[in-house]
Structure formats: structure tokens, C-alpha cells
Amino acid sequence: MQNQMITIEAYCTYHHAEPAFIEALEKGGLLTITIMNEERFIDYEQLQQLECYTRWYYDMEINVPGIDAINNLLDKVKSMQQEIESLKHQLAVYQTSNQFL
């Protein structure tokens, strides 16, 4: 199945964003752009994250390095939350097995 994509031009027109912003996100490693027939596309799977970045950039005036830092921190928080859930599960299993001793 082929991934659905939107052109950068269409995204920028709809969101009133500058193509240079999208290019800066790509250079910063926050976004992957696909080029087909000399046209640049964004995969639909990246749209939710891109819309978030766009709000941060235009509404909150956070620059691309700031967006990168926030994104990294949010990834760490998510990872830590998953680890906490795993540890809770392990603790519950341990507590249950010790009940029968």
C-alpha cells in the first residue's frame, strides 16, 4: 500500500506556513520530505506532528531548535512513562506471587 502524501505547497497554503519553516524542520531532523517528480511531499503519518510543530512555531513563537528540544523532552517523558508502567506491572506480579508465600 502506498503512503498518502500532501505536497508542501498544499500544506503551507492551508496552514499559512512558509516552505522555509518546513525545510528547517527537515534540516533539523524533525521531518522527512519525499521528493517525487521534482515535487516535495510530506507523508500523512507526519501530519499530526507537523501541525503541532507549526502551532509551536507560529502561535507560541518557538524556533526550530526549541521545537527540537521540546520534542526530545517529550520523547523522554513518554519513554519514562512506559518504563514506570512496566515497573508497576512487574511490582504487581511480584506482590501477587509473594501473597501465596
N, C-alpha and C. Protein backbone atom coordinates (compact mmCIF):
# COMPACT_ATOMS: atom_id res chain seq x y z
N MET A 1 0.84 -1.19 0.00
CA MET A 1 0.00 0.00 0.00
C MET A 1 0.88 1.25 0.00
N GLN A 2 0.59 2.15 -0.88
CA GLN A 2 1.36 3.38 -0.99
C GLN A 2 0.91 4.37 0.07
N ASN A 3 1.88 5.04 0.68
CA ASN A 3 1.56 6.03 1.70
C ASN A 3 0.89 7.24 1.06
N GLN A 4 -0.07 7.80 1.77
CA GLN A 4 -0.70 9.01 1.31
C GLN A 4 0.19 10.18 1.67
N MET A 5 0.25 11.15 0.78
CA MET A 5 1.11 12.30 1.00
C MET A 5 0.41 13.58 0.60
N ILE A 6 0.94 14.67 1.13
CA ILE A 6 0.45 16.01 0.78
C ILE A 6 1.66 16.82 0.34
N THR A 7 1.46 17.66 -0.64
CA THR A 7 2.57 18.50 -1.08
C THR A 7 2.87 19.56 -0.02
N ILE A 8 4.12 19.95 0.03
CA ILE A 8 4.50 21.02 0.96
C ILE A 8 3.74 22.29 0.61
N GLU A 9 3.58 22.53 -0.67
CA GLU A 9 2.86 23.73 -1.12
C GLU A 9 1.43 23.72 -0.59
N ALA A 10 0.74 22.59 -0.69
CA ALA A 10 -0.64 22.50 -0.20
C ALA A 10 -0.69 22.67 1.32
N TYR A 11 0.24 22.05 2.03
CA TYR A 11 0.27 22.18 3.49
C TYR A 11 0.49 23.64 3.87
N CYS A 12 1.46 24.27 3.26
CA CYS A 12 1.79 25.66 3.59
C CYS A 12 0.64 26.61 3.26
N THR A 13 -0.03 26.37 2.17
CA THR A 13 -1.16 27.21 1.80
C THR A 13 -2.28 27.06 2.82
N TYR A 14 -2.60 25.83 3.19
CA TYR A 14 -3.69 25.57 4.13
C TYR A 14 -3.38 26.12 5.52
N HIS A 15 -2.14 25.97 5.97
CA HIS A 15 -1.76 26.37 7.33
C HIS A 15 -1.10 27.76 7.40
N HIS A 16 -1.04 28.44 6.27
CA HIS A 16 -0.40 29.77 6.22
C HIS A 16 1.02 29.70 6.78
N ALA A 17 1.75 28.69 6.34
CA ALA A 17 3.13 28.48 6.78
C ALA A 17 4.09 28.74 5.63
N GLU A 18 5.32 29.02 5.97
CA GLU A 18 6.35 29.26 4.97
C GLU A 18 7.06 27.95 4.63
N PRO A 19 7.33 27.69 3.36
CA PRO A 19 8.08 26.50 2.99
C PRO A 19 9.45 26.44 3.68
N ALA A 20 10.05 27.59 3.96
CA ALA A 20 11.35 27.62 4.64
C ALA A 20 11.25 27.00 6.03
N PHE A 21 10.10 27.14 6.70
CA PHE A 21 9.89 26.52 8.00
C PHE A 21 9.92 25.00 7.87
N ILE A 22 9.25 24.47 6.86
CA ILE A 22 9.23 23.02 6.62
C ILE A 22 10.65 22.54 6.32
N GLU A 23 11.37 23.27 5.51
CA GLU A 23 12.75 22.91 5.18
C GLU A 23 13.64 22.93 6.42
N ALA A 24 13.43 23.90 7.30
CA ALA A 24 14.21 23.97 8.55
C ALA A 24 13.93 22.76 9.44
N LEU A 25 12.68 22.33 9.46
CA LEU A 25 12.33 21.13 10.23
C LEU A 25 13.03 19.90 9.65
N GLU A 26 13.08 19.84 8.32
CA GLU A 26 13.78 18.71 7.68
C GLU A 26 15.27 18.76 8.00
N LYS A 27 15.88 19.92 7.90
CA LYS A 27 17.31 20.05 8.21
C LYS A 27 17.60 19.70 9.66
N GLY A 28 16.64 20.00 10.54
CA GLY A 28 16.79 19.69 11.95
C GLY A 28 16.50 18.24 12.29
N GLY A 29 16.11 17.45 11.29
CA GLY A 29 15.82 16.04 11.51
C GLY A 29 14.47 15.77 12.14
N LEU A 30 13.59 16.75 12.13
CA LEU A 30 12.27 16.61 12.74
C LEU A 30 11.21 16.14 11.75
N LEU A 31 11.54 16.13 10.48
CA LEU A 31 10.57 15.84 9.44
C LEU A 31 11.29 15.20 8.26
N THR A 32 10.61 14.30 7.61
CA THR A 32 11.16 13.68 6.40
C THR A 32 10.34 14.13 5.21
N ILE A 33 11.02 14.65 4.22
CA ILE A 33 10.36 15.10 3.00
C ILE A 33 10.69 14.12 1.88
N THR A 34 9.66 13.77 1.11
CA THR A 34 9.83 12.87 -0.03
C THR A 34 9.74 13.70 -1.31
N ILE A 35 10.66 13.46 -2.23
CA ILE A 35 10.66 14.18 -3.50
C ILE A 35 10.29 13.19 -4.60
N MET A 36 9.23 13.53 -5.34
CA MET A 36 8.80 12.73 -6.50
C MET A 36 8.47 13.69 -7.64
N ASN A 37 9.04 13.40 -8.78
CA ASN A 37 8.79 14.24 -9.96
C ASN A 37 9.03 15.72 -9.66
N GLU A 38 10.13 15.99 -8.96
CA GLU A 38 10.55 17.34 -8.61
C GLU A 38 9.56 18.07 -7.70
N GLU A 39 8.64 17.35 -7.09
CA GLU A 39 7.70 17.95 -6.13
C GLU A 39 7.99 17.37 -4.76
N ARG A 40 7.87 18.22 -3.73
CA ARG A 40 8.20 17.81 -2.36
C ARG A 40 6.93 17.48 -1.60
N PHE A 41 6.94 16.33 -0.90
CA PHE A 41 5.77 15.82 -0.21
C PHE A 41 6.07 15.51 1.26
N ILE A 42 5.01 15.55 2.06
CA ILE A 42 5.06 15.14 3.46
C ILE A 42 4.10 13.96 3.59
N ASP A 43 4.55 12.91 4.23
CA ASP A 43 3.72 11.73 4.46
C ASP A 43 2.62 12.07 5.46
N TYR A 44 1.40 11.57 5.23
CA TYR A 44 0.28 11.83 6.13
C TYR A 44 0.58 11.40 7.57
N GLU A 45 1.42 10.38 7.72
CA GLU A 45 1.76 9.90 9.07
C GLU A 45 2.50 10.96 9.88
N GLN A 46 3.09 11.93 9.21
CA GLN A 46 3.82 13.01 9.89
C GLN A 46 2.98 14.25 10.13
N LEU A 47 1.77 14.27 9.59
CA LEU A 47 0.96 15.49 9.63
C LEU A 47 0.61 15.94 11.05
N GLN A 48 0.23 15.01 11.91
CA GLN A 48 -0.14 15.40 13.28
C GLN A 48 1.03 16.08 13.98
N GLN A 49 2.22 15.49 13.85
CA GLN A 49 3.40 16.08 14.48
C GLN A 49 3.74 17.42 13.83
N LEU A 50 3.64 17.49 12.51
CA LEU A 50 3.94 18.74 11.81
C LEU A 50 2.97 19.84 12.21
N GLU A 51 1.70 19.51 12.37
CA GLU A 51 0.74 20.52 12.79
C GLU A 51 1.06 21.03 14.19
N CYS A 52 1.54 20.14 15.05
CA CYS A 52 1.97 20.53 16.39
C CYS A 52 3.15 21.49 16.29
N TYR A 53 4.16 21.12 15.49
CA TYR A 53 5.33 21.99 15.30
C TYR A 53 4.92 23.35 14.75
N THR A 54 3.96 23.34 13.83
CA THR A 54 3.50 24.58 13.21
C THR A 54 2.86 25.49 14.26
N ARG A 55 2.04 24.91 15.14
CA ARG A 55 1.44 25.72 16.21
C ARG A 55 2.52 26.27 17.14
N TRP A 56 3.47 25.45 17.52
CA TRP A 56 4.54 25.92 18.40
C TRP A 56 5.30 27.08 17.76
N TYR A 57 5.59 26.92 16.48
CA TYR A 57 6.40 27.91 15.76
C TYR A 57 5.64 29.22 15.55
N TYR A 58 4.42 29.14 15.03
CA TYR A 58 3.68 30.34 14.67
C TYR A 58 2.87 30.92 15.82
N ASP A 59 2.27 30.08 16.64
CA ASP A 59 1.43 30.59 17.73
C ASP A 59 2.22 30.92 18.99
N MET A 60 3.24 30.10 19.27
CA MET A 60 3.99 30.28 20.51
C MET A 60 5.37 30.89 20.27
N GLU A 61 5.71 31.09 18.98
CA GLU A 61 6.97 31.70 18.58
C GLU A 61 8.19 30.94 19.10
N ILE A 62 8.11 29.62 19.03
CA ILE A 62 9.23 28.76 19.41
C ILE A 62 10.02 28.45 18.14
N ASN A 63 11.33 28.70 18.17
CA ASN A 63 12.14 28.47 16.97
C ASN A 63 12.41 26.97 16.78
N VAL A 64 12.97 26.62 15.64
CA VAL A 64 13.18 25.20 15.30
C VAL A 64 14.07 24.49 16.32
N PRO A 65 15.20 25.08 16.77
CA PRO A 65 15.97 24.40 17.82
C PRO A 65 15.16 24.19 19.10
N GLY A 66 14.29 25.13 19.43
CA GLY A 66 13.41 24.98 20.58
C GLY A 66 12.42 23.85 20.38
N ILE A 67 11.88 23.75 19.18
CA ILE A 67 10.96 22.67 18.84
C ILE A 67 11.67 21.33 18.99
N ASP A 68 12.91 21.26 18.52
CA ASP A 68 13.70 20.03 18.64
C ASP A 68 13.90 19.66 20.11
N ALA A 69 14.25 20.65 20.94
CA ALA A 69 14.46 20.40 22.37
C ALA A 69 13.17 19.92 23.04
N ILE A 70 12.06 20.57 22.74
CA ILE A 70 10.78 20.17 23.32
C ILE A 70 10.42 18.77 22.88
N ASN A 71 10.61 18.49 21.60
CA ASN A 71 10.30 17.16 21.06
C ASN A 71 11.13 16.08 21.76
N ASN A 72 12.42 16.35 21.96
CA ASN A 72 13.28 15.39 22.66
C ASN A 72 12.83 15.18 24.09
N LEU A 73 12.47 16.25 24.78
CA LEU A 73 11.99 16.13 26.15
C LEU A 73 10.68 15.34 26.22
N LEU A 74 9.77 15.60 25.30
CA LEU A 74 8.51 14.85 25.28
C LEU A 74 8.75 13.37 25.01
N ASP A 75 9.71 13.07 24.13
CA ASP A 75 10.06 11.67 23.87
C ASP A 75 10.60 11.01 25.13
N LYS A 76 11.43 11.72 25.88
CA LYS A 76 11.97 11.18 27.13
C LYS A 76 10.87 10.96 28.16
N VAL A 77 9.94 11.90 28.26
CA VAL A 77 8.82 11.75 29.19
C VAL A 77 7.99 10.52 28.82
N LYS A 78 7.71 10.36 27.53
CA LYS A 78 6.94 9.20 27.07
C LYS A 78 7.67 7.90 27.41
N SER A 79 8.97 7.87 27.17
CA SER A 79 9.77 6.69 27.48
C SER A 79 9.74 6.40 28.98
N MET A 80 9.86 7.44 29.79
CA MET A 80 9.84 7.25 31.24
C MET A 80 8.46 6.77 31.71
N GLN A 81 7.40 7.27 31.10
CA GLN A 81 6.05 6.81 31.45
C GLN A 81 5.88 5.33 31.12
N GLN A 82 6.42 4.90 29.98
CA GLN A 82 6.35 3.49 29.61
C GLN A 82 7.15 2.64 30.59
N GLU A 83 8.30 3.13 31.00
CA GLU A 83 9.11 2.40 31.97
C GLU A 83 8.40 2.31 33.31
N ILE A 84 7.75 3.37 33.74
CA ILE A 84 7.00 3.35 35.01
C ILE A 84 5.88 2.32 34.94
N GLU A 85 5.17 2.29 33.81
CA GLU A 85 4.09 1.31 33.66
C GLU A 85 4.63 -0.11 33.70
N SER A 86 5.76 -0.33 33.07
CA SER A 86 6.39 -1.65 33.09
C SER A 86 6.79 -2.03 34.51
N LEU A 87 7.36 -1.09 35.24
CA LEU A 87 7.77 -1.36 36.62
C LEU A 87 6.56 -1.61 37.52
N LYS A 88 5.47 -0.89 37.29
CA LYS A 88 4.24 -1.13 38.04
C LYS A 88 3.74 -2.54 37.80
N HIS A 89 3.79 -2.97 36.55
CA HIS A 89 3.35 -4.31 36.20
C HIS A 89 4.23 -5.35 36.89
N GLN A 90 5.53 -5.15 36.84
CA GLN A 90 6.46 -6.08 37.49
C GLN A 90 6.23 -6.11 39.00
N LEU A 91 5.97 -4.97 39.60
CA LEU A 91 5.72 -4.91 41.02
C LEU A 91 4.43 -5.64 41.38
N ALA A 92 3.40 -5.46 40.56
CA ALA A 92 2.13 -6.16 40.80
C ALA A 92 2.31 -7.66 40.72
N VAL A 93 3.09 -8.13 39.76
CA VAL A 93 3.36 -9.57 39.62
C VAL A 93 4.13 -10.06 40.85
N TYR A 94 5.11 -9.30 41.28
CA TYR A 94 5.92 -9.66 42.45
C TYR A 94 5.04 -9.71 43.70
N GLN A 95 4.20 -8.70 43.89
CA GLN A 95 3.33 -8.65 45.06
C GLN A 95 2.35 -9.82 45.06
N THR A 96 1.81 -10.14 43.89
CA THR A 96 0.86 -11.26 43.78
C THR A 96 1.56 -12.58 44.09
N SER A 97 2.77 -12.78 43.60
CA SER A 97 3.47 -14.04 43.84
C SER A 97 3.88 -14.15 45.31
N ASN A 98 4.14 -13.06 45.99
CA ASN A 98 4.52 -13.09 47.41
C ASN A 98 3.32 -13.28 48.32
N GLN A 99 2.11 -13.05 47.83
CA GLN A 99 0.91 -13.26 48.64
C GLN A 99 0.75 -14.72 49.01
N PHE A 100 1.18 -15.60 48.14
CA PHE A 100 0.97 -17.02 48.33
C PHE A 100 2.07 -17.68 49.14
N LEU A 101 3.06 -16.92 49.58
CA LEU A 101 4.15 -17.50 50.38
C LEU A 101 3.81 -17.57 51.82
